[in-house]
C-alpha atoms as a PDB file:
ATOM      1  CA  MET A   1       0.000   0.000   0.000  1.00  0.00           C
ATOM      2  CA  LYS A   2       1.363   3.394  -0.971  1.00  0.00           C
ATOM      3  CA  LYS A   3       1.855   5.940   1.770  1.00  0.00           C
ATOM      4  CA  THR A   4      -0.068   9.185   1.388  1.00  0.00           C
ATOM      5  CA  ALA A   5       1.006  12.489   2.866  1.00  0.00           C
ATOM      6  CA  ILE A   6      -1.414  14.628   4.829  1.00  0.00           C
ATOM      7  CA  SER A   7      -1.739  17.953   3.060  1.00  0.00           C
ATOM      8  CA  ASP A   8      -1.029  21.138   4.994  1.00  0.00           C
ATOM      9  CA  LEU A   9      -4.633  22.227   4.421  1.00  0.00           C
ATOM     10  CA  ASP A  10      -6.004  19.019   5.946  1.00  0.00           C
ATOM     11  CA  LEU A  11      -3.664  19.403   8.897  1.00  0.00           C
ATOM     12  CA  THR A  12      -4.622  23.062   9.407  1.00  0.00           C
ATOM     13  CA  LEU A  13      -8.345  22.349   9.197  1.00  0.00           C
ATOM     14  CA  ALA A  14      -8.082  19.364  11.533  1.00  0.00           C
ATOM     15  CA  ALA A  15      -6.043  21.355  14.054  1.00  0.00           C
ATOM     16  CA  SER A  16      -8.539  24.216  13.949  1.00  0.00           C
ATOM     17  CA  THR A  17     -11.485  21.901  14.525  1.00  0.00           C
ATOM     18  CA  PHE A  18      -9.719  19.980  17.281  1.00  0.00           C
ATOM     19  CA  ALA A  19      -8.915  23.315  18.942  1.00  0.00           C
ATOM     20  CA  ALA A  20     -12.636  24.158  18.963  1.00  0.00           C
ATOM     21  CA  LEU A  21     -13.271  20.827  20.687  1.00  0.00           C
ATOM     22  CA  GLY A  22     -10.403  21.318  23.151  1.00  0.00           C
ATOM     23  CA  SER A  23     -12.628  22.082  26.108  1.00  0.00           C
ATOM     24  CA  GLU A  24     -14.617  19.663  28.259  1.00  0.00           C
ATOM     25  CA  GLN A  25     -17.564  22.028  28.240  1.00  0.00           C
ATOM     26  CA  ARG A  26     -17.530  22.524  24.448  1.00  0.00           C
ATOM     27  CA  LEU A  27     -17.248  18.800  23.951  1.00  0.00           C
ATOM     28  CA  ALA A  28     -20.221  18.283  26.302  1.00  0.00           C
ATOM     29  CA  VAL A  29     -22.235  20.891  24.385  1.00  0.00           C
ATOM     30  CA  LEU A  30     -21.467  19.302  21.021  1.00  0.00           C
ATOM     31  CA  ARG A  31     -22.188  15.828  22.364  1.00  0.00           C
ATOM     32  CA  ALA A  32     -25.588  16.943  23.690  1.00  0.00           C
ATOM     33  CA  LEU A  33     -26.426  18.490  20.315  1.00  0.00           C
ATOM     34  CA  VAL A  34     -25.311  15.399  18.398  1.00  0.00           C
ATOM     35  CA  ARG A  35     -27.463  13.250  20.685  1.00  0.00           C
ATOM     36  CA  ALA A  36     -30.447  15.564  20.106  1.00  0.00           C
ATOM     37  CA  GLY A  37     -30.132  15.151  16.349  1.00  0.00           C
ATOM     38  CA  PRO A  38     -31.188  17.593  13.615  1.00  0.00           C
ATOM     39  CA  PRO A  39     -34.083  19.206  15.562  1.00  0.00           C
ATOM     40  CA  GLY A  40     -31.557  20.528  18.077  1.00  0.00           C
ATOM     41  CA  LEU A  41     -32.270  21.935  21.517  1.00  0.00           C
ATOM     42  CA  SER A  42     -33.363  25.277  22.882  1.00  0.00           C
ATOM     43  CA  ILE A  43     -30.518  27.186  24.484  1.00  0.00           C
ATOM     44  CA  GLY A  44     -32.201  26.670  27.879  1.00  0.00           C
ATOM     45  CA  GLU A  45     -32.520  22.909  27.432  1.00  0.00           C
ATOM     46  CA  LEU A  46     -28.937  22.701  26.171  1.00  0.00           C
ATOM     47  CA  GLY A  47     -27.815  24.483  29.341  1.00  0.00           C
ATOM     48  CA  ARG A  48     -29.828  22.139  31.547  1.00  0.00           C
ATOM     49  CA  ARG A  49     -28.439  19.037  29.850  1.00  0.00           C
ATOM     50  CA  THR A  50     -24.827  20.166  29.990  1.00  0.00           C
ATOM     51  CA  GLY A  51     -24.707  22.296  33.121  1.00  0.00           C
ATOM     52  CA  VAL A  52     -23.201  25.105  31.032  1.00  0.00           C
ATOM     53  CA  THR A  53     -25.309  28.256  31.114  1.00  0.00           C
ATOM     54  CA  GLY A  54     -25.368  31.967  30.466  1.00  0.00           C
ATOM     55  CA  SER A  55     -22.429  33.775  28.966  1.00  0.00           C
ATOM     56  CA  THR A  56     -20.240  30.665  29.228  1.00  0.00           C
ATOM     57  CA  LEU A  57     -22.636  28.698  27.000  1.00  0.00           C
ATOM     58  CA  THR A  58     -22.835  31.637  24.591  1.00  0.00           C
ATOM     59  CA  HIS A  59     -19.028  31.744  24.429  1.00  0.00           C
ATOM     60  CA  HIS A  60     -18.734  28.013  23.718  1.00  0.00           C
ATOM     61  CA  MET A  61     -21.508  28.096  21.103  1.00  0.00           C
ATOM     62  CA  ARG A  62     -19.715  30.959  19.318  1.00  0.00           C
ATOM     63  CA  ILE A  63     -16.487  28.952  19.102  1.00  0.00           C
ATOM     64  CA  LEU A  64     -18.290  25.819  17.897  1.00  0.00           C
ATOM     65  CA  ALA A  65     -20.232  27.871  15.334  1.00  0.00           C
ATOM     66  CA  GLN A  66     -17.044  29.508  14.041  1.00  0.00           C
ATOM     67  CA  ALA A  67     -15.622  26.007  13.545  1.00  0.00           C
ATOM     68  CA  GLY A  68     -18.733  25.150  11.524  1.00  0.00           C
ATOM     69  CA  LEU A  69     -19.835  22.434  13.928  1.00  0.00           C
ATOM     70  CA  VAL A  70     -23.094  23.958  15.189  1.00  0.00           C
ATOM     71  CA  ARG A  71     -25.654  26.580  14.284  1.00  0.00           C
ATOM     72  CA  GLN A  72     -28.052  28.771  16.226  1.00  0.00           C
ATOM     73  CA  GLU A  73     -31.411  29.854  14.886  1.00  0.00           C
ATOM     74  CA  ARG A  74     -34.068  32.067  16.403  1.00  0.00           C
ATOM     75  CA  ARG A  75     -37.536  30.483  16.356  1.00  0.00           C
ATOM     76  CA  GLY A  76     -40.039  32.835  17.847  1.00  0.00           C
ATOM     77  CA  ARG A  77     -38.793  33.689  21.299  1.00  0.00           C
ATOM     78  CA  SER A  78     -36.427  30.688  21.472  1.00  0.00           C
ATOM     79  CA  ILE A  79     -32.908  30.181  20.245  1.00  0.00           C
ATOM     80  CA  ILE A  80     -32.479  26.673  18.872  1.00  0.00           C
ATOM     81  CA  CYS A  81     -29.005  25.174  18.731  1.00  0.00           C
ATOM     82  CA  ALA A  82     -28.144  22.183  16.572  1.00  0.00           C
ATOM     83  CA  ALA A  83     -25.123  20.225  15.453  1.00  0.00           C
ATOM     84  CA  VAL A  84     -24.784  20.586  11.706  1.00  0.00           C
ATOM     85  CA  ALA A  85     -21.458  19.075  10.826  1.00  0.00           C
ATOM     86  CA  TYR A  86     -22.058  15.342  11.095  1.00  0.00           C
ATOM     87  CA  ASP A  87     -20.031  14.664   7.939  1.00  0.00           C
ATOM     88  CA  GLU A  88     -17.224  16.915   9.181  1.00  0.00           C
ATOM     89  CA  LEU A  89     -17.161  15.115  12.537  1.00  0.00           C
ATOM     90  CA  ARG A  90     -16.970  11.774  10.741  1.00  0.00           C
ATOM     91  CA  THR A  91     -14.161  13.132   8.539  1.00  0.00           C
ATOM     92  CA  LEU A  92     -12.338  14.417  11.612  1.00  0.00           C
ATOM     93  CA  SER A  93     -12.434  11.016  13.280  1.00  0.00           C
ATOM     94  CA  GLU A  94     -11.335   9.359  10.034  1.00  0.00           C
ATOM     95  CA  PHE A  95      -8.465  11.868   9.876  1.00  0.00           C
ATOM     96  CA  LEU A  96      -7.075  10.314  13.055  1.00  0.00           C
ATOM     97  CA  LEU A  97      -7.142   6.819  11.596  1.00  0.00           C
ATOM     98  CA  ARG A  98      -6.547   7.507   7.898  1.00  0.00           C
ATOM     99  CA  GLU A  99      -2.869   6.719   7.984  1.00  0.00           C
ATOM    100  CA  CYS A 100      -2.986   4.201  10.796  1.00  0.00           C
ATOM    101  CA  CYS A 101       0.159   2.084  10.720  1.00  0.00           C
ATOM    102  CA  ALA A 102       1.349   3.713   7.466  1.00  0.00           C
ATOM    103  CA  ASP A 103       4.918   3.889   8.729  1.00  0.00           C
ATOM    104  CA  THR A 104       5.186   0.303   9.901  1.00  0.00           C
ATOM    105  CA  ASP A 105       6.865  -2.396   7.860  1.00  0.00           C
ATOM    106  CA  HIS A 106       3.927  -4.763   8.226  1.00  0.00           C
ATOM    107  CA  PRO A 107       0.586  -2.912   8.466  1.00  0.00           C
ATOM    108  CA  GLU A 108      -1.254  -6.241   8.541  1.00  0.00           C
ATOM    109  CA  ASP A 109       0.278  -6.828  11.993  1.00  0.00           C
ATOM    110  CA  HIS A 110      -1.756  -3.874  13.252  1.00  0.00           C
ATOM    111  CA  ASP A 111      -5.225  -4.640  11.947  1.00  0.00           C
ATOM    112  CA  HIS A 112      -7.885  -2.287  13.260  1.00  0.00           C
ATOM    113  CA  ASP A 113     -11.559  -2.957  12.631  1.00  0.00           C
END
């Protein structure tokens, strides 16, 4: 199998996205939104489920939105938050495993399912 190099762009994008996820609270927020699925959660419900509220939740949502992982939408008097980057999250996890064992002499010795 031929080794492939990770492009600088892939590395930069991955690092940027991982940086957005580099907080326990942001990870908890994203996890709650992923679990809620496409309908999302009101900002109040998101706060109740994660224990992150007020300006701290606003701050974390801004960072996750800038990374393209979530969106916020006003519906009437509510703000609905939802995860939107399911494909990007899948790609990010695949990024970690894409070149698994690429530098070993015998990749078959390191099978990963």
